[in-house]
Protein backbone atom coordinates (compact mmCIF):
# COMPACT_ATOMS: atom_id res chain seq x y z
CA MET A 1 -18.90 32.48 39.37
CA VAL A 2 -19.36 30.33 36.25
CA GLU A 3 -16.37 32.00 34.60
CA LEU A 4 -14.21 31.29 37.64
CA ILE A 5 -15.14 27.60 37.55
CA VAL A 6 -14.42 27.41 33.80
CA VAL A 7 -11.00 29.04 34.32
CA LEU A 8 -10.20 26.61 37.13
CA VAL A 9 -11.21 23.64 34.97
CA ILE A 10 -9.01 24.88 32.11
CA LEU A 11 -6.07 25.42 34.47
CA GLY A 12 -6.61 21.93 35.88
CA LEU A 13 -6.54 20.39 32.41
CA LEU A 14 -3.37 22.30 31.50
CA ALA A 15 -1.71 21.23 34.74
CA THR A 16 -2.67 17.62 34.08
CA TYR A 17 -1.63 17.31 30.43
CA ALA A 18 0.64 20.16 29.39
CA ALA A 19 2.84 20.75 32.43
CA PRO A 20 4.40 17.27 32.60
CA ARG A 21 5.45 17.47 28.94
CA PHE A 22 6.73 21.00 29.38
CA PHE A 23 8.88 20.12 32.38
CA ASP A 24 10.11 16.68 31.28
CA ALA A 25 13.91 16.97 31.32
CA ARG A 26 14.31 13.60 29.58
CA LEU A 27 12.80 14.89 26.33
CA PHE A 28 15.09 17.90 26.46
CA SER A 29 18.11 15.68 27.14
CA ASN A 30 17.23 13.30 24.29
CA ARG A 31 16.87 16.13 21.78
CA GLY A 32 20.09 17.76 22.96
CA PHE A 33 22.15 14.59 22.63
CA TYR A 34 20.54 13.87 19.25
CA ASN A 35 21.66 17.29 18.00
CA GLU A 36 25.14 16.73 19.44
CA THR A 37 25.50 13.33 17.71
CA LEU A 38 24.14 14.64 14.39
CA ASN A 39 26.56 17.57 14.45
CA ALA A 40 29.46 15.26 15.34
CA VAL A 41 28.79 13.07 12.30
CA ARG A 42 28.53 16.15 10.09
CA TYR A 43 31.77 17.49 11.58
CA ALA A 44 33.53 14.17 10.90
CA GLN A 45 32.65 14.49 7.23
CA GLN A 46 33.81 18.10 7.07
CA TYR A 47 37.03 17.31 8.94
CA ALA A 48 37.83 14.47 6.51
CA VAL A 49 37.39 16.80 3.54
CA ALA A 50 39.34 19.65 5.15
CA THR A 51 42.32 17.52 6.22
CA ASN A 52 42.26 15.18 3.21
CA CYS A 53 42.41 12.22 5.63
CA ASP A 54 39.85 9.58 6.57
CA VAL A 55 37.84 10.10 9.77
CA GLN A 56 36.15 7.24 11.61
CA VAL A 57 32.82 7.65 13.42
CA THR A 58 32.18 5.11 16.18
CA LEU A 59 28.66 4.86 17.57
CA THR A 60 28.14 2.97 20.82
CA ALA A 61 24.97 2.13 22.75
CA ASN A 62 24.96 5.56 24.39
CA GLY A 63 27.64 7.68 22.74
CA TYR A 64 29.95 8.48 19.84
CA SER A 65 33.59 9.26 19.12
CA LEU A 66 35.57 10.59 16.16
CA GLU A 67 39.09 9.40 15.30
CA HIS A 68 41.52 9.91 12.45
CA ARG A 69 44.71 8.22 11.35
CA ALA A 70 47.70 9.50 13.27
CA THR A 71 50.57 9.24 10.81
CA ASN A 72 50.38 10.75 7.31
CA CYS A 73 46.75 9.68 6.89
CA SER A 74 47.65 5.99 7.07
CA GLY A 75 47.55 3.28 9.69
CA ALA A 76 44.94 2.66 12.33
CA PHE A 77 42.31 5.12 13.53
CA ASN A 78 43.89 5.89 16.89
CA GLN A 79 44.06 9.68 17.11
CA GLY A 80 41.04 11.57 18.47
CA VAL A 81 39.67 14.33 16.26
CA PRO A 82 40.17 17.59 18.15
CA HIS A 83 36.99 19.29 19.27
CA PRO A 84 36.71 22.78 17.76
CA SER A 85 35.54 24.44 20.99
CA ARG A 86 37.13 22.27 23.68
CA VAL A 87 40.86 22.82 23.24
CA GLY A 88 42.88 19.68 23.89
CA ASN A 89 39.87 17.37 24.05
CA ALA A 90 38.93 14.72 21.54
CA PHE A 91 35.56 14.96 19.82
CA SER A 92 33.35 12.44 21.67
CA GLY A 93 30.17 12.35 23.68
CA ASN A 94 28.31 10.05 26.00
CA ASP A 95 24.90 10.16 27.71
CA SER A 96 23.91 7.11 29.72
CA GLY A 97 20.24 8.14 29.67
CA VAL A 98 19.97 8.20 25.87
CA SER A 99 20.21 5.17 23.59
CA VAL A 100 22.03 5.26 20.25
CA SER A 101 21.47 2.60 17.62
CA PRO A 102 22.93 0.90 15.75
CA ALA A 103 26.26 0.52 17.50
CA THR A 104 28.62 0.62 14.53
CA SER A 105 31.70 2.23 13.00
CA PHE A 106 32.22 3.77 9.59
CA SER A 107 34.58 6.30 8.09
CA PHE A 108 34.44 9.28 5.76
CA ASN A 109 37.11 9.56 3.06
CA ALA A 110 38.74 12.76 1.80
CA LEU A 111 35.81 13.32 -0.58
CA GLY A 112 33.30 13.13 2.27
CA VAL A 113 31.88 9.79 1.15
CA PRO A 114 31.21 7.23 3.91
CA SER A 115 32.45 3.65 3.88
CA LEU A 116 28.90 2.29 3.93
CA GLY A 117 27.38 -0.23 1.57
CA THR A 118 23.89 1.10 2.18
CA ASN A 119 22.26 4.10 3.81
CA LEU A 120 22.66 4.14 7.59
CA VAL A 121 19.74 5.26 9.75
CA VAL A 122 21.00 6.33 13.18
CA THR A 123 18.47 6.65 16.01
CA VAL A 124 19.32 8.73 19.06
CA GLY A 125 16.74 8.86 21.82
CA GLY A 126 13.91 8.00 19.44
CA ILE A 127 14.87 10.59 16.79
CA SER A 128 16.63 9.54 13.58
CA PHE A 129 18.96 10.84 10.90
CA THR A 130 20.27 9.14 7.76
CA VAL A 131 23.81 8.99 6.39
CA HIS A 132 23.53 8.35 2.64
CA ALA A 133 26.03 5.79 1.36
CA ASP A 134 26.55 7.21 -2.13
CA THR A 135 27.11 10.88 -1.31
CA GLY A 136 27.65 11.20 2.41
CA TYR A 137 24.66 13.51 2.66
CA ILE A 138 23.32 13.54 6.22
CA ASN A 139 19.69 14.46 6.74
CA GLU A 140 17.17 14.30 9.55
CA THR A 141 14.41 11.79 8.95
């Protein structure tokens, strides 16, 4: 009987503390959109190097988009970077439940170096990554 009560107490504690964290879809959504944004910034750098044209990354309050110059790598950033797995769609993402900060724009040149004066720390849903100004290296912080 004592063992049964101990097991019930342990199950009650797990149900109280562990289950809500395990089933919280918001945490899963935040981490998913963070990974998507991080990979988009990394892809922008790789696309700039591969095409030998600048690529602009635009971060908004709850999303991102990638654009490149339309004509011979000159002019305005007005052509969406094609998504590698969504044929015909531009590389962009948006999640109204996840906040992205800071809202800013920067570009990668053909060498993969960003147009930043200082390192940029991007926070997506409470998780951060850094774009290094000197090299373009992108790491999770």
